[in-house]
C-alpha atoms as a PDB file:
ATOM      1  CA  UNK A   1      78.790 193.205 184.557  1.00  0.00           C
ATOM      2  CA  UNK A   2      76.700 195.037 182.076  1.00  0.00           C
ATOM      3  CA  UNK A   3      73.542 195.331 180.434  1.00  0.00           C
ATOM      4  CA  UNK A   4      73.645 193.677 176.829  1.00  0.00           C
ATOM      5  CA  UNK A   5      71.965 195.150 173.445  1.00  0.00           C
ATOM      6  CA  UNK A   6      71.697 193.485 170.191  1.00  0.00           C
ATOM      7  CA  UNK A   7      74.636 194.664 168.055  1.00  0.00           C
ATOM      8  CA  UNK A   8      77.079 195.379 170.841  1.00  0.00           C
ATOM      9  CA  UNK A   9      80.529 194.434 170.033  1.00  0.00           C
ATOM     10  CA  UNK A  10      82.874 193.110 172.437  1.00  0.00           C
ATOM     11  CA  UNK A  11      86.573 192.066 172.685  1.00  0.00           C
ATOM     12  CA  UNK A  12      88.597 189.774 174.995  1.00  0.00           C
ATOM     13  CA  UNK A  13      91.609 191.219 177.334  1.00  0.00           C
ATOM     14  CA  UNK A  14      93.101 188.213 177.013  1.00  0.00           C
ATOM     15  CA  UNK A  15      93.181 186.755 173.472  1.00  0.00           C
ATOM     16  CA  UNK A  16      92.119 187.875 170.073  1.00  0.00           C
ATOM     17  CA  UNK A  17      88.474 186.595 170.354  1.00  0.00           C
ATOM     18  CA  UNK A  18      85.953 188.833 169.141  1.00  0.00           C
ATOM     19  CA  UNK A  19      82.242 188.896 169.488  1.00  0.00           C
ATOM     20  CA  UNK A  20      78.787 190.867 168.676  1.00  0.00           C
ATOM     21  CA  UNK A  21      75.604 190.019 170.655  1.00  0.00           C
ATOM     22  CA  UNK A  22      73.176 188.785 168.707  1.00  0.00           C
ATOM     23  CA  UNK A  23      70.319 188.312 171.602  1.00  0.00           C
ATOM     24  CA  UNK A  24      70.497 189.332 175.445  1.00  0.00           C
ATOM     25  CA  UNK A  25      68.377 188.905 178.455  1.00  0.00           C
ATOM     26  CA  UNK A  26      67.240 191.662 180.390  1.00  0.00           C
ATOM     27  CA  UNK A  27      69.706 192.857 183.232  1.00  0.00           C
ATOM     28  CA  UNK A  28      73.097 192.964 184.128  1.00  0.00           C
ATOM     29  CA  UNK A  29      75.293 189.643 182.812  1.00  0.00           C
ATOM     30  CA  UNK A  30      79.277 188.908 182.860  1.00  0.00           C
ATOM     31  CA  UNK A  31      80.508 187.603 179.441  1.00  0.00           C
ATOM     32  CA  UNK A  32      84.236 186.222 179.694  1.00  0.00           C
ATOM     33  CA  UNK A  33      86.500 184.958 177.215  1.00  0.00           C
ATOM     34  CA  UNK A  34      89.499 183.117 178.481  1.00  0.00           C
ATOM     35  CA  UNK A  35      88.390 183.268 182.181  1.00  0.00           C
ATOM     36  CA  UNK A  36      88.149 187.276 182.200  1.00  0.00           C
ATOM     37  CA  UNK A  37      85.578 189.283 181.540  1.00  0.00           C
ATOM     38  CA  UNK A  38      84.926 191.179 177.618  1.00  0.00           C
ATOM     39  CA  UNK A  39      85.531 194.343 176.856  1.00  0.00           C
ATOM     40  CA  UNK A  40      84.218 197.057 175.048  1.00  0.00           C
ATOM     41  CA  UNK A  41      85.290 197.496 171.500  1.00  0.00           C
ATOM     42  CA  UNK A  42      86.736 200.593 171.902  1.00  0.00           C
ATOM     43  CA  UNK A  43      88.533 199.781 175.198  1.00  0.00           C
ATOM     44  CA  UNK A  44      92.016 198.938 174.869  1.00  0.00           C
ATOM     45  CA  UNK A  45      92.802 195.264 175.854  1.00  0.00           C
ATOM     46  CA  UNK A  46      94.651 194.637 179.038  1.00  0.00           C
ATOM     47  CA  UNK A  47      96.795 192.036 178.325  1.00  0.00           C
ATOM     48  CA  UNK A  48      97.157 188.652 180.467  1.00  0.00           C
ATOM     49  CA  UNK A  49      96.877 185.127 179.496  1.00  0.00           C
ATOM     50  CA  UNK A  50      93.817 183.060 178.692  1.00  0.00           C
ATOM     51  CA  UNK A  51      92.951 180.565 182.060  1.00  0.00           C
ATOM     52  CA  UNK A  52      93.813 176.934 180.947  1.00  0.00           C
ATOM     53  CA  UNK A  53      90.135 176.277 181.981  1.00  0.00           C
ATOM     54  CA  UNK A  54      88.765 178.634 179.360  1.00  0.00           C
ATOM     55  CA  UNK A  55      90.969 177.380 176.483  1.00  0.00           C
ATOM     56  CA  UNK A  56      88.413 175.639 174.247  1.00  0.00           C
ATOM     57  CA  UNK A  57      88.898 178.632 171.551  1.00  0.00           C
ATOM     58  CA  UNK A  58      86.297 180.312 169.698  1.00  0.00           C
ATOM     59  CA  UNK A  59      85.519 179.953 165.796  1.00  0.00           C
ATOM     60  CA  UNK A  60      84.928 182.607 163.431  1.00  0.00           C
ATOM     61  CA  UNK A  61      80.968 183.078 162.139  1.00  0.00           C
ATOM     62  CA  UNK A  62      79.894 180.469 164.919  1.00  0.00           C
ATOM     63  CA  UNK A  63      77.079 181.458 167.532  1.00  0.00           C
ATOM     64  CA  UNK A  64      77.421 180.503 171.159  1.00  0.00           C
ATOM     65  CA  UNK A  65      74.225 180.090 173.107  1.00  0.00           C
ATOM     66  CA  UNK A  66      73.279 179.447 176.576  1.00  0.00           C
ATOM     67  CA  UNK A  67      71.784 176.687 178.332  1.00  0.00           C
ATOM     68  CA  UNK A  68      68.720 178.994 178.565  1.00  0.00           C
ATOM     69  CA  UNK A  69      68.932 180.025 174.813  1.00  0.00           C
ATOM     70  CA  UNK A  70      68.301 183.773 175.822  1.00  0.00           C
ATOM     71  CA  UNK A  71      71.892 184.418 174.993  1.00  0.00           C
ATOM     72  CA  UNK A  72      73.655 184.142 171.698  1.00  0.00           C
ATOM     73  CA  UNK A  73      76.772 186.057 170.857  1.00  0.00           C
ATOM     74  CA  UNK A  74      78.504 185.607 167.121  1.00  0.00           C
ATOM     75  CA  UNK A  75      82.199 185.294 166.816  1.00  0.00           C
ATOM     76  CA  UNK A  76      83.404 187.853 164.440  1.00  0.00           C
ATOM     77  CA  UNK A  77      87.180 187.093 165.305  1.00  0.00           C
ATOM     78  CA  UNK A  78      88.553 183.944 166.515  1.00  0.00           C
ATOM     79  CA  UNK A  79      90.619 183.482 169.489  1.00  0.00           C
ATOM     80  CA  UNK A  80      91.940 180.931 172.115  1.00  0.00           C
ATOM     81  CA  UNK A  81      89.705 181.781 174.920  1.00  0.00           C
ATOM     82  CA  UNK A  82      86.301 180.205 175.086  1.00  0.00           C
ATOM     83  CA  UNK A  83      83.175 182.231 176.141  1.00  0.00           C
ATOM     84  CA  UNK A  84      80.913 182.112 179.113  1.00  0.00           C
ATOM     85  CA  UNK A  85      78.445 183.600 180.853  1.00  0.00           C
ATOM     86  CA  UNK A  86      78.245 184.345 184.561  1.00  0.00           C
ATOM     87  CA  UNK A  87      80.258 181.310 184.763  1.00  0.00           C
ATOM     88  CA  UNK A  88      78.110 179.268 182.385  1.00  0.00           C
ATOM     89  CA  UNK A  89      80.239 178.153 179.452  1.00  0.00           C
ATOM     90  CA  UNK A  90      78.434 178.819 176.058  1.00  0.00           C
ATOM     91  CA  UNK A  91      78.163 176.236 173.544  1.00  0.00           C
ATOM     92  CA  UNK A  92      77.767 176.472 170.183  1.00  0.00           C
ATOM     93  CA  UNK A  93      74.810 176.785 168.474  1.00  0.00           C
ATOM     94  CA  UNK A  94      73.240 173.504 166.618  1.00  0.00           C
ATOM     95  CA  UNK A  95      71.747 174.536 163.243  1.00  0.00           C
ATOM     96  CA  UNK A  96      68.255 173.630 162.790  1.00  0.00           C
ATOM     97  CA  UNK A  97      67.054 170.316 160.439  1.00  0.00           C
ATOM     98  CA  UNK A  98      65.451 170.770 157.358  1.00  0.00           C
ATOM     99  CA  UNK A  99      62.057 169.117 156.870  1.00  0.00           C
ATOM    100  CA  UNK A 100      62.884 166.648 154.123  1.00  0.00           C
ATOM    101  CA  UNK A 101      61.641 167.000 150.667  1.00  0.00           C
ATOM    102  CA  UNK A 102      59.497 163.860 150.183  1.00  0.00           C
END
């Protein structure tokens, strides 16, 4: 568990996924990818396999948010594992609807 701040980069210990923190809540959070805690960008991968229950994958350039909307991660390198925080699976952030130009 770690306290996140905007601009922090993390990578998965079990797949190729890498993310950048866009927004984070205060306090410690446990961000996982593929069912395993993510590591700092300077750390080396520990190896292992993606948990089959967390194998939805990440998509390059997509933003992932939690239900509360106070955590936002940007995928900078796609991979096989899916993202979660404190056990809650993160979902793709939906694009905002633009007003009609009538």
